[in-house]
Amino acid sequence: MCDIDKAKGDEILGTKILLVEDDREIVGNLTEFLVEEGFQVAAVSGQTQAMDYVEEHEMELDLVLLDVSLEEGNGFSACAAIKANSDLPVIFLTASGDEYSVVTGLDLGADDYIGKPFRPRELISRIRSVLRRCGRAQTVLELGDVRIDTTGGTVTKNGQEVFLSALEYRLLLVFAGHRGKVLSRSQLLEEIWDVAGEFVNDNTLTVYIKRLREKIETDSSEPDIIKTVRGIGYRAD
């Protein structure tokens, strides 16, 4: 399988992932999903290809998603070789979820181990968690004159701190992570429902977007940061 490189302009995370997977359907679907989330993705199908890619592009890469069963070689050997020659974070993404496989992967230095089938939102959360632990995540995001320090969990506007609730903060992170992309109300609800610890309905979303605008917009009646796209949803610029 040839390398598959895709990039999203103005990706917020600035993160490039190497996907080592020999199932073409999984490669296609997962690459599309990750790119939609703002990541850059390269994909190879075997151990030798993975090692060659890491050797050539190590400075560009931030994380490796690695299957155990590969077209050539295996994920355990690939992980050991990657960890022996670089400090790249590695997440196993595999159907081999038995205790022996999990322990073996972690003992080889893997930073996380996710079984198939997996929930897409959980995968993104795990990726971001590993990137933070390894110091490879972008820590300051910007939307207009609003700065979000994801390490300290603080938000400032023109240098003045803005105090947000947990759900408002999560909502702002979602917009910052999808800057320039139109997000439907259903997409936003999917992103924030677990933060509230209960189901967030459409009316609640409207209330929180209104509150967030009141805190970060210069004029919340004429928003410049979180804009309404009529009939579709919202876009952050």
Protein backbone atom coordinates (compact mmCIF):
# COMPACT_ATOMS: atom_id res chain seq x y z
CA MET A 1 0.00 0.00 0.00
CA CYS A 2 1.33 3.43 -0.87
CA ASP A 3 1.63 6.23 1.66
CA ILE A 4 -1.57 8.22 1.95
CA ASP A 5 -0.90 11.84 2.91
CA LYS A 6 -3.78 14.20 3.58
CA ALA A 7 -3.75 17.58 5.23
CA LYS A 8 -6.32 20.08 6.35
CA GLY A 9 -5.48 23.73 5.90
CA ASP A 10 -5.11 25.67 9.13
CA GLU A 11 -5.24 22.50 11.19
CA ILE A 12 -5.55 23.57 14.79
CA LEU A 13 -3.69 20.73 16.38
CA GLY A 14 -0.79 20.92 13.91
CA THR A 15 -0.37 17.19 14.50
CA LYS A 16 0.78 14.55 12.03
CA ILE A 17 -0.09 10.91 12.65
CA LEU A 18 1.39 7.83 11.03
CA LEU A 19 -1.29 5.14 10.70
CA VAL A 20 0.17 1.64 10.36
CA GLU A 21 -2.73 -0.55 9.22
CA ASP A 22 -3.21 -3.12 6.44
CA ASP A 23 -7.01 -2.98 6.15
CA ARG A 24 -7.72 -0.55 3.31
CA GLU A 25 -11.28 0.15 4.44
CA ILE A 26 -10.13 1.04 7.95
CA VAL A 27 -7.34 3.20 6.52
CA GLY A 28 -9.80 5.11 4.34
CA ASN A 29 -12.43 5.63 7.00
CA LEU A 30 -10.02 6.44 9.81
CA THR A 31 -7.95 8.80 7.67
CA GLU A 32 -11.06 10.70 6.62
CA PHE A 33 -12.22 10.97 10.22
CA LEU A 34 -8.85 12.14 11.56
CA VAL A 35 -8.46 14.71 8.79
CA GLU A 36 -11.93 16.05 9.58
CA GLU A 37 -10.74 16.46 13.18
CA GLY A 38 -7.83 18.60 12.01
CA PHE A 39 -4.98 16.07 11.94
CA GLN A 40 -2.61 15.27 9.11
CA VAL A 41 -2.36 11.57 8.31
CA ALA A 42 0.11 9.32 6.53
CA ALA A 43 -0.64 5.60 6.19
CA VAL A 44 1.47 2.50 5.49
CA SER A 45 0.57 -1.19 5.63
CA GLY A 46 3.64 -3.01 6.94
CA GLN A 47 6.48 -2.95 9.44
CA THR A 48 9.27 -2.15 6.97
CA GLN A 49 7.27 0.69 5.42
CA ALA A 50 6.53 2.04 8.89
CA MET A 51 10.19 2.03 9.92
CA ASP A 52 11.27 3.61 6.64
CA TYR A 53 8.65 6.34 7.04
CA VAL A 54 9.62 7.06 10.65
CA GLU A 55 13.30 7.23 9.74
CA GLU A 56 12.64 9.68 6.90
CA HIS A 57 9.93 11.80 8.52
CA GLU A 58 10.53 11.55 12.27
CA MET A 59 10.83 15.32 12.73
CA GLU A 60 7.42 15.83 11.09
CA LEU A 61 5.58 13.13 13.03
CA ASP A 62 3.87 13.51 16.39
CA LEU A 63 2.27 10.10 16.98
CA VAL A 64 1.96 6.57 15.56
CA LEU A 65 -1.30 4.60 15.47
CA LEU A 66 -0.27 0.97 15.14
CA ASP A 67 -2.14 -2.27 14.47
CA VAL A 68 -0.69 -5.54 15.80
CA SER A 69 -1.48 -7.63 12.70
CA LEU A 70 0.18 -6.15 9.65
CA GLU A 71 0.55 -7.05 5.98
CA GLU A 72 4.27 -7.54 6.63
CA GLY A 73 5.87 -7.94 10.05
CA ASN A 74 3.88 -7.16 13.20
CA GLY A 75 2.99 -4.24 15.40
CA PHE A 76 4.91 -5.45 18.44
CA SER A 77 8.20 -5.52 16.54
CA ALA A 78 7.42 -2.18 14.90
CA CYS A 79 6.67 -0.59 18.29
CA ALA A 80 9.91 -1.90 19.80
CA ALA A 81 11.92 -0.55 16.88
CA ILE A 82 10.19 2.84 16.94
CA LYS A 83 10.73 3.23 20.68
CA ALA A 84 14.37 2.14 20.39
CA ASN A 85 15.15 4.86 17.88
CA SER A 86 12.79 7.75 18.67
CA ASP A 87 10.58 9.30 21.36
CA LEU A 88 7.45 9.17 19.20
CA PRO A 89 4.27 8.30 21.13
CA VAL A 90 2.67 5.02 20.00
CA ILE A 91 -0.95 3.95 20.40
CA PHE A 92 -1.92 0.38 19.55
CA LEU A 93 -5.23 0.24 17.70
CA THR A 94 -6.12 -3.41 17.31
CA ALA A 95 -8.67 -6.19 17.60
CA SER A 96 -6.20 -8.17 19.73
CA GLY A 97 -7.58 -6.96 23.03
CA ASP A 98 -6.69 -9.94 25.21
CA GLU A 99 -4.71 -9.29 28.39
CA TYR A 100 -1.48 -10.78 27.02
CA SER A 101 -1.53 -8.53 23.94
CA VAL A 102 -2.32 -5.43 25.97
CA VAL A 103 0.43 -6.12 28.52
CA THR A 104 2.93 -6.94 25.77
CA GLY A 105 2.17 -3.71 23.95
CA LEU A 106 2.49 -1.58 27.07
CA ASP A 107 5.68 -3.37 28.14
CA LEU A 108 7.19 -2.54 24.76
CA GLY A 109 6.65 1.13 25.52
CA ALA A 110 3.27 1.83 23.88
CA ASP A 111 1.59 4.91 25.33
CA ASP A 112 -1.94 3.51 25.04
CA TYR A 113 -3.84 0.48 23.74
CA ILE A 114 -7.29 0.78 22.15
CA GLY A 115 -9.34 -2.23 21.08
CA LYS A 116 -11.42 -2.50 17.92
CA PRO A 117 -14.18 -1.67 17.42
CA PHE A 118 -13.58 1.70 19.01
CA ARG A 119 -15.69 4.80 19.48
CA PRO A 120 -14.34 7.63 17.29
CA ARG A 121 -14.75 10.31 19.96
CA GLU A 122 -12.92 8.15 22.48
CA LEU A 123 -10.07 7.66 20.02
CA ILE A 124 -9.67 11.43 19.56
CA SER A 125 -9.73 11.92 23.33
CA ARG A 126 -7.06 9.23 23.81
CA ILE A 127 -4.88 10.73 21.08
CA ARG A 128 -5.09 14.19 22.62
CA SER A 129 -4.38 12.78 26.08
CA VAL A 130 -1.23 11.01 24.87
CA LEU A 131 -0.07 14.12 23.00
CA ARG A 132 -0.47 16.20 26.15
CA ARG A 133 1.40 13.68 28.29
CA CYS A 134 4.23 13.58 25.79
CA GLY A 135 4.40 17.36 25.40
CA ARG A 136 3.45 17.28 21.73
CA ALA A 137 0.08 19.01 21.89
CA GLN A 138 -0.31 22.63 20.96
CA THR A 139 -1.00 24.40 24.25
CA VAL A 140 -2.28 27.80 23.07
CA LEU A 141 -5.17 28.15 20.64
CA GLU A 142 -6.46 31.43 19.26
CA LEU A 143 -9.81 32.64 17.97
CA GLY A 144 -9.61 36.29 17.02
CA ASP A 145 -8.46 38.17 20.14
CA VAL A 146 -9.28 35.21 22.37
CA ARG A 147 -6.43 32.97 23.56
CA ILE A 148 -6.99 29.55 25.09
CA ASP A 149 -4.21 28.08 27.21
CA THR A 150 -5.08 24.38 27.26
CA THR A 151 -2.30 23.60 29.74
CA GLY A 152 -3.55 26.01 32.38
CA GLY A 153 -7.19 25.80 31.30
CA THR A 154 -7.42 29.59 31.07
CA VAL A 155 -9.05 31.86 28.52
CA THR A 156 -8.10 35.49 27.93
CA LYS A 157 -9.49 38.24 25.70
CA ASN A 158 -7.16 41.16 24.98
CA GLY A 159 -5.05 40.02 27.93
CA GLN A 160 -7.95 39.93 30.38
CA GLU A 161 -9.00 36.55 31.81
CA VAL A 162 -12.45 35.29 30.85
CA PHE A 163 -14.12 32.91 33.30
CA LEU A 164 -16.05 30.07 31.68
CA SER A 165 -18.02 27.15 33.04
CA ALA A 166 -16.75 23.65 32.21
CA LEU A 167 -19.31 23.26 29.44
CA GLU A 168 -18.63 26.72 28.00
CA TYR A 169 -14.90 25.95 28.00
CA ARG A 170 -15.46 22.63 26.22
CA LEU A 171 -17.68 24.33 23.66
CA LEU A 172 -14.98 26.93 23.01
CA LEU A 173 -12.38 24.18 22.56
CA VAL A 174 -14.62 22.47 20.01
CA PHE A 175 -14.90 25.67 17.99
CA ALA A 176 -11.15 26.32 18.26
CA GLY A 177 -10.39 22.77 17.16
CA HIS A 178 -12.59 23.17 14.08
CA ARG A 179 -11.75 26.75 13.14
CA GLY A 180 -13.20 27.70 9.76
CA LYS A 181 -15.39 24.61 9.61
CA VAL A 182 -19.18 24.73 9.81
CA LEU A 183 -20.44 22.64 12.71
CA SER A 184 -24.05 21.49 12.86
CA ARG A 185 -25.98 21.67 16.12
CA SER A 186 -26.03 17.87 16.29
CA GLN A 187 -22.22 17.77 16.01
CA LEU A 188 -21.88 20.29 18.83
CA LEU A 189 -24.32 18.35 21.01
CA GLU A 190 -22.33 15.16 20.44
CA GLU A 191 -19.13 16.92 21.50
CA ILE A 192 -20.39 18.44 24.74
CA TRP A 193 -23.03 16.11 26.18
CA ASP A 194 -20.59 14.11 28.33
CA VAL A 195 -19.06 17.25 29.88
CA ALA A 196 -22.39 18.14 31.48
CA GLY A 197 -22.74 14.62 32.85
CA GLU A 198 -26.21 14.41 31.42
CA PHE A 199 -28.03 14.77 28.13
CA VAL A 200 -27.71 18.26 26.66
CA ASN A 201 -30.70 19.19 24.53
CA ASP A 202 -30.99 21.66 21.69
CA ASN A 203 -32.39 24.44 23.88
CA THR A 204 -29.51 24.06 26.34
CA LEU A 205 -27.02 24.37 23.48
CA THR A 206 -28.65 27.63 22.41
CA VAL A 207 -28.34 28.99 25.95
CA TYR A 208 -24.66 28.05 26.24
CA ILE A 209 -23.72 29.51 22.87
CA LYS A 210 -25.46 32.73 23.91
CA ARG A 211 -23.56 32.78 27.23
CA LEU A 212 -20.26 32.01 25.53
CA ARG A 213 -20.76 34.81 23.03
CA GLU A 214 -21.55 37.25 25.85
CA LYS A 215 -18.19 36.42 27.41
CA ILE A 216 -15.87 36.33 24.38
CA GLU A 217 -17.43 38.58 21.75
CA THR A 218 -16.86 42.32 21.71
CA ASP A 219 -20.52 42.69 20.72
CA SER A 220 -22.49 39.48 21.27
CA SER A 221 -25.35 40.79 19.09
CA GLU A 222 -22.90 41.05 16.15
CA PRO A 223 -20.51 38.12 16.79
CA ASP A 224 -17.15 38.11 15.02
CA ILE A 225 -15.79 34.88 16.50
CA ILE A 226 -18.66 32.39 16.61
CA LYS A 227 -20.86 33.06 13.61
CA THR A 228 -24.25 31.58 12.78
CA VAL A 229 -24.53 29.81 9.43
CA ARG A 230 -28.25 29.94 8.77
CA GLY A 231 -29.96 26.60 8.38
CA ILE A 232 -26.76 24.68 9.11
CA GLY A 233 -25.06 25.59 12.39
CA TYR A 234 -22.07 27.67 13.46
CA ARG A 235 -18.56 28.53 12.31
CA ALA A 236 -15.68 29.95 14.33
CA ASP A 237 -13.29 32.36 12.59
